[in-house]
Amino acid sequence: MTTNLTTVSEDAITAAAERLATAAATSTPCAPIRDLIGADDLVAAYAVQQRFNELRVGAGATVVGRKIGLTSKAVQEQLGVDQPDLGVLFDDMAFADGEDVPMSRLIQPKIEGEVGFVLGADLADGPLDAAQVRDAIEYAVVALEICDSRIRDWDIRFGDTVADNASSGVYVLGTERRTLDEVVPAEVTMSMTVNGQEVSSGNGAACLGDPIEAVVWLARNARDLGQPLRAGQVILSGALGPMAPVSAGDVVTVTVSGLGAVTTRFTEGENA
């Protein structure tokens, strides 16, 4: 994570955060953020993300975890970057296995199959290496992440997706919990189906070579941003295969070897 200062003004950062917040509140996608802060100013982009997320906290949302994005080399190349990004998970983003997800919560969703983790210890001090991260993980679960973009037509560059809370939407965790003595994240395989047809597949190595290494990257960069990972938080470690679009009426199932499956259905209705 760069520590250089940004030349982007506070007014531009505030305007960018407010643009995203308006898009989220009205379910109406907005113009790219890069026309306000540039396409690759990482410091400015994370400043917008923090401001955007502070607006959510101010409205009553609670931080429950973090997500890692851009773990795929192909996606990094597409956006012209050489590193992942991170976002915040809020309590109202979580849906239960089998629960319907109303499309009213989303603007232009895309789905990913991942390995999720729940931390049993803080990751705030020390080297934050793979050994420490493994020790801090209480258990792993299969995860379905529904990414979303407040930016029209997913017309994003690195600065856009970082500012937009790493294109976060909602997520669903499976119910089978496995310790790292029971499953090796780097060796899992993933299959994702929509209405019974496979739309994505991959393996643990597709996520920065090992989902554990993705969490190492996350832990170090979250600490650099002054928001270290804490016990009890949910971590979405990054996609194991390509994203796929989803529409109302679709039933999506993600299966990860050793972790079981998770299923959700997308509906036209409002939140229950």
Protein backbone atom coordinates (compact mmCIF):
# COMPACT_ATOMS: atom_id res chain seq x y z
CA MET A 1 0.00 0.00 0.00
CA THR A 2 1.42 3.35 -1.00
CA THR A 3 1.90 5.95 1.71
CA ASN A 4 2.40 8.89 -0.63
CA LEU A 5 0.20 11.92 -0.15
CA THR A 6 -2.46 12.75 -2.69
CA THR A 7 -2.84 16.00 -4.59
CA VAL A 8 -6.60 15.51 -4.86
CA SER A 9 -8.52 18.15 -2.93
CA GLU A 10 -10.77 17.46 0.05
CA ASP A 11 -13.65 18.93 -1.94
CA ALA A 12 -13.13 16.39 -4.72
CA ILE A 13 -12.93 13.52 -2.22
CA THR A 14 -16.14 14.66 -0.55
CA ALA A 15 -17.89 15.08 -3.90
CA ALA A 16 -16.84 11.58 -4.97
CA ALA A 17 -18.11 10.01 -1.74
CA GLU A 18 -21.40 11.87 -2.02
CA ARG A 19 -21.79 10.77 -5.65
CA LEU A 20 -21.42 7.13 -4.60
CA ALA A 21 -23.74 7.55 -1.62
CA THR A 22 -26.44 9.07 -3.82
CA ALA A 23 -26.11 6.23 -6.31
CA ALA A 24 -26.44 3.68 -3.51
CA ALA A 25 -29.42 5.44 -1.92
CA THR A 26 -31.32 5.82 -5.18
CA SER A 27 -30.22 2.54 -6.84
CA THR A 28 -29.18 4.67 -9.80
CA PRO A 29 -25.65 4.11 -11.14
CA CYS A 30 -23.43 7.15 -11.40
CA ALA A 31 -20.62 8.42 -13.59
CA PRO A 32 -17.11 7.12 -12.87
CA ILE A 33 -15.30 8.54 -9.87
CA ARG A 34 -12.03 8.88 -11.76
CA ASP A 35 -13.19 12.14 -13.31
CA LEU A 36 -12.99 13.60 -9.78
CA ILE A 37 -9.94 11.85 -8.31
CA GLY A 38 -8.07 10.30 -11.24
CA ALA A 39 -7.85 6.66 -12.28
CA ASP A 40 -4.90 5.47 -10.21
CA ASP A 41 -4.43 7.73 -7.18
CA LEU A 42 -4.59 5.05 -4.52
CA VAL A 43 -4.46 7.42 -1.55
CA ALA A 44 -7.34 9.48 -2.89
CA ALA A 45 -9.35 6.39 -3.77
CA TYR A 46 -9.08 4.95 -0.26
CA ALA A 47 -9.88 8.38 1.19
CA VAL A 48 -13.11 8.37 -0.83
CA GLN A 49 -13.86 4.83 0.29
CA GLN A 50 -13.39 5.82 3.93
CA ARG A 51 -15.66 8.85 3.52
CA PHE A 52 -18.27 6.76 1.66
CA ASN A 53 -18.19 4.09 4.37
CA GLU A 54 -18.38 6.69 7.15
CA LEU A 55 -21.68 7.82 5.67
CA ARG A 56 -22.97 4.25 6.01
CA VAL A 57 -21.77 3.99 9.60
CA GLY A 58 -23.41 7.31 10.33
CA ALA A 59 -26.67 5.87 9.02
CA GLY A 60 -26.43 2.96 11.48
CA ALA A 61 -24.42 0.26 9.70
CA THR A 62 -21.85 -1.78 11.64
CA VAL A 63 -18.56 -3.07 10.22
CA VAL A 64 -18.43 -6.90 10.46
CA GLY A 65 -15.50 -7.74 8.18
CA ARG A 66 -13.49 -7.10 5.05
CA LYS A 67 -13.35 -8.25 1.46
CA ILE A 68 -10.46 -8.58 -0.93
CA GLY A 69 -10.97 -7.74 -4.60
CA LEU A 70 -8.91 -7.98 -7.76
CA THR A 71 -7.15 -11.17 -6.69
CA SER A 72 -7.29 -12.48 -10.26
CA LYS A 73 -4.26 -11.72 -12.43
CA ALA A 74 -6.55 -11.43 -15.49
CA VAL A 75 -8.67 -8.76 -13.81
CA GLN A 76 -5.58 -6.93 -12.56
CA GLU A 77 -4.25 -6.83 -16.12
CA GLN A 78 -7.61 -5.62 -17.39
CA LEU A 79 -7.52 -2.66 -14.99
CA GLY A 80 -3.80 -2.06 -15.38
CA VAL A 81 -2.87 -2.73 -11.74
CA ASP A 82 -0.50 -5.08 -9.96
CA GLN A 83 -2.24 -5.50 -6.61
CA PRO A 84 -5.61 -6.35 -5.09
CA ASP A 85 -7.87 -3.91 -3.30
CA LEU A 86 -9.90 -4.13 -0.11
CA GLY A 87 -13.33 -3.11 1.05
CA VAL A 88 -15.50 -3.18 4.16
CA LEU A 89 -18.34 -5.60 4.96
CA PHE A 90 -21.32 -4.23 6.88
CA ASP A 91 -23.88 -6.13 8.94
CA ASP A 92 -26.69 -5.50 6.45
CA MET A 93 -24.71 -7.15 3.63
CA ALA A 94 -25.01 -10.66 5.11
CA PHE A 95 -27.66 -13.12 3.93
CA ALA A 96 -28.17 -16.64 5.23
CA ASP A 97 -27.67 -19.80 3.20
CA GLY A 98 -30.92 -20.43 1.33
CA GLU A 99 -32.28 -16.95 1.97
CA ASP A 100 -33.67 -14.91 -0.93
CA VAL A 101 -31.67 -11.86 -2.00
CA PRO A 102 -33.95 -9.06 -3.25
CA MET A 103 -32.74 -7.35 -6.39
CA SER A 104 -33.89 -4.07 -4.81
CA ARG A 105 -30.71 -4.26 -2.70
CA LEU A 106 -28.53 -4.24 -5.81
CA ILE A 107 -27.92 -2.18 -8.94
CA GLN A 108 -25.94 -4.33 -11.40
CA PRO A 109 -24.87 -7.47 -9.53
CA LYS A 110 -22.23 -10.02 -10.48
CA ILE A 111 -21.51 -13.19 -8.51
CA GLU A 112 -18.31 -14.89 -7.37
CA GLY A 113 -17.44 -18.11 -5.55
CA GLU A 114 -14.88 -17.76 -2.76
CA VAL A 115 -13.42 -19.12 0.44
CA GLY A 116 -14.58 -17.13 3.44
CA PHE A 117 -12.87 -17.01 6.83
CA VAL A 118 -13.89 -15.94 10.31
CA LEU A 119 -11.14 -14.67 12.58
CA GLY A 120 -10.67 -15.92 16.11
CA ALA A 121 -7.95 -13.40 16.96
CA ASP A 122 -6.92 -9.86 16.04
CA LEU A 123 -4.42 -9.26 13.24
CA ALA A 124 -3.09 -5.93 14.44
CA ASP A 125 0.44 -6.54 15.70
CA GLY A 126 3.43 -8.63 14.71
CA PRO A 127 4.72 -9.67 11.27
CA LEU A 128 1.25 -10.58 9.94
CA ASP A 129 2.78 -13.43 7.99
CA ALA A 130 1.12 -16.63 6.82
CA ALA A 131 1.78 -18.46 10.09
CA GLN A 132 0.20 -15.69 12.15
CA VAL A 133 -2.76 -15.43 9.79
CA ARG A 134 -3.37 -19.18 9.92
CA ASP A 135 -3.29 -19.11 13.72
CA ALA A 136 -5.80 -16.24 13.75
CA ILE A 137 -8.36 -17.97 11.52
CA GLU A 138 -11.05 -19.71 13.55
CA TYR A 139 -12.67 -21.45 10.58
CA ALA A 140 -13.22 -21.41 6.82
CA VAL A 141 -16.55 -21.53 4.95
CA VAL A 142 -17.79 -21.55 1.37
CA ALA A 143 -18.83 -18.04 0.35
CA LEU A 144 -20.95 -16.50 -2.39
CA GLU A 145 -20.11 -12.85 -2.93
CA ILE A 146 -22.52 -10.71 -4.89
CA CYS A 147 -20.39 -7.84 -6.15
CA ASP A 148 -22.07 -4.63 -7.24
CA SER A 149 -20.98 -1.35 -8.73
CA ARG A 150 -22.50 2.03 -8.12
CA ILE A 151 -20.72 3.13 -11.32
CA ARG A 152 -22.68 2.96 -14.54
CA ASP A 153 -22.11 -0.11 -16.75
CA TRP A 154 -19.21 -1.28 -14.56
CA ASP A 155 -17.11 1.36 -16.35
CA ILE A 156 -14.36 1.14 -13.76
CA ARG A 157 -10.64 1.63 -13.39
CA PHE A 158 -8.65 0.92 -10.23
CA GLY A 159 -9.50 4.22 -8.55
CA ASP A 160 -13.20 3.73 -9.24
CA THR A 161 -13.53 0.31 -7.67
CA VAL A 162 -11.38 1.19 -4.65
CA ALA A 163 -13.46 4.31 -3.99
CA ASP A 164 -16.66 2.28 -4.41
CA ASN A 165 -15.79 0.06 -1.42
CA ALA A 166 -14.14 -2.48 -3.72
CA SER A 167 -17.41 -2.93 -5.66
CA SER A 168 -19.05 -4.60 -2.69
CA GLY A 169 -22.67 -5.73 -2.65
CA VAL A 170 -23.88 -8.50 -0.37
CA TYR A 171 -22.68 -11.98 0.55
CA VAL A 172 -23.85 -15.41 1.69
CA LEU A 173 -21.83 -17.82 3.83
CA GLY A 174 -22.29 -21.58 3.97
CA THR A 175 -23.10 -23.37 7.19
CA GLU A 176 -20.26 -25.93 7.20
CA ARG A 177 -17.33 -24.66 9.23
CA ARG A 178 -13.88 -26.18 8.79
CA THR A 179 -10.65 -25.45 10.59
CA LEU A 180 -7.41 -25.16 8.64
CA ASP A 181 -6.51 -28.60 9.98
CA GLU A 182 -9.49 -29.92 8.03
CA VAL A 183 -9.15 -28.04 4.74
CA VAL A 184 -6.25 -26.58 2.72
CA PRO A 185 -7.55 -23.41 1.04
CA ALA A 186 -4.93 -23.42 -1.72
CA GLU A 187 -6.04 -26.90 -2.80
CA VAL A 188 -9.82 -26.47 -2.96
CA THR A 189 -11.82 -26.50 -6.19
CA MET A 190 -14.87 -24.33 -6.83
CA SER A 191 -17.90 -24.66 -9.08
CA MET A 192 -20.64 -22.03 -9.40
CA THR A 193 -23.96 -22.72 -11.09
CA VAL A 194 -26.89 -20.54 -12.09
CA ASN A 195 -30.14 -22.48 -12.46
CA GLY A 196 -28.15 -25.70 -12.55
CA GLN A 197 -25.73 -24.65 -15.30
CA GLU A 198 -22.08 -24.11 -14.42
CA VAL A 199 -21.02 -20.51 -15.09
CA SER A 200 -17.68 -20.39 -13.28
CA SER A 201 -15.06 -22.74 -11.91
CA GLY A 202 -11.61 -22.46 -10.42
CA ASN A 203 -9.39 -23.39 -7.53
CA GLY A 204 -7.70 -21.99 -4.47
CA ALA A 205 -4.50 -21.21 -6.34
CA ALA A 206 -6.43 -18.71 -8.49
CA CYS A 207 -6.64 -16.42 -5.45
CA LEU A 208 -3.12 -14.92 -5.28
CA GLY A 209 -1.77 -18.46 -5.28
CA ASP A 210 -3.41 -19.22 -1.91
CA PRO A 211 -6.38 -17.59 -0.12
CA ILE A 212 -4.20 -17.47 3.02
CA GLU A 213 -1.73 -15.22 1.19
CA ALA A 214 -4.65 -13.01 0.18
CA VAL A 215 -5.52 -12.59 3.86
CA VAL A 216 -1.85 -11.80 4.62
CA TRP A 217 -2.03 -9.01 2.04
CA LEU A 218 -5.31 -7.81 3.53
CA ALA A 219 -4.08 -7.86 7.12
CA ARG A 220 -1.00 -5.81 6.33
CA ASN A 221 -2.81 -3.24 4.21
CA ALA A 222 -5.74 -2.92 6.60
CA ARG A 223 -3.25 -2.16 9.35
CA ASP A 224 -1.49 0.38 7.13
CA LEU A 225 -4.85 2.10 6.66
CA GLY A 226 -5.30 2.28 10.43
CA GLN A 227 -8.11 -0.27 10.49
CA PRO A 228 -6.57 -3.64 11.46
CA LEU A 229 -8.51 -6.88 11.26
CA ARG A 230 -10.26 -7.93 14.46
CA ALA A 231 -11.42 -11.18 16.04
CA GLY A 232 -14.90 -12.14 14.93
CA GLN A 233 -14.67 -10.44 11.55
CA VAL A 234 -15.71 -12.16 8.32
CA ILE A 235 -13.11 -12.16 5.55
CA LEU A 236 -14.00 -12.74 1.90
CA SER A 237 -10.67 -13.74 0.41
CA GLY A 238 -11.32 -13.25 -3.30
CA ALA A 239 -12.80 -15.02 -6.29
CA LEU A 240 -11.68 -18.51 -7.30
CA GLY A 241 -13.12 -18.13 -10.80
CA PRO A 242 -14.63 -15.55 -13.15
CA MET A 243 -17.55 -13.35 -12.14
CA ALA A 244 -20.95 -13.93 -13.74
CA PRO A 245 -24.01 -11.66 -14.02
CA VAL A 246 -27.23 -12.58 -12.23
CA SER A 247 -30.89 -11.65 -12.68
CA ALA A 248 -34.13 -11.87 -10.74
CA GLY A 249 -35.38 -15.46 -10.58
CA ASP A 250 -31.92 -17.01 -10.76
CA VAL A 251 -30.88 -19.64 -8.24
CA VAL A 252 -27.13 -19.65 -7.60
CA THR A 253 -25.11 -22.38 -5.91
CA VAL A 254 -21.41 -22.27 -5.09
CA THR A 255 -19.70 -25.53 -4.16
CA VAL A 256 -16.16 -25.60 -2.76
CA SER A 257 -14.46 -28.93 -2.09
CA GLY A 258 -14.06 -29.60 1.61
CA LEU A 259 -16.39 -26.73 2.53
CA GLY A 260 -19.73 -27.81 1.05
CA ALA A 261 -22.18 -25.61 -0.82
CA VAL A 262 -24.12 -22.39 -0.40
CA THR A 263 -27.28 -21.42 -2.32
CA THR A 264 -29.37 -18.32 -2.76
CA ARG A 265 -32.20 -17.13 -4.99
CA PHE A 266 -32.56 -13.64 -6.41
CA THR A 267 -36.05 -12.15 -6.26
CA GLU A 268 -37.77 -9.02 -7.46
CA GLY A 269 -39.13 -8.28 -3.98
CA GLU A 270 -38.06 -5.90 -1.26
CA ASN A 271 -36.23 -6.91 1.91
CA ALA A 272 -38.39 -8.93 4.25
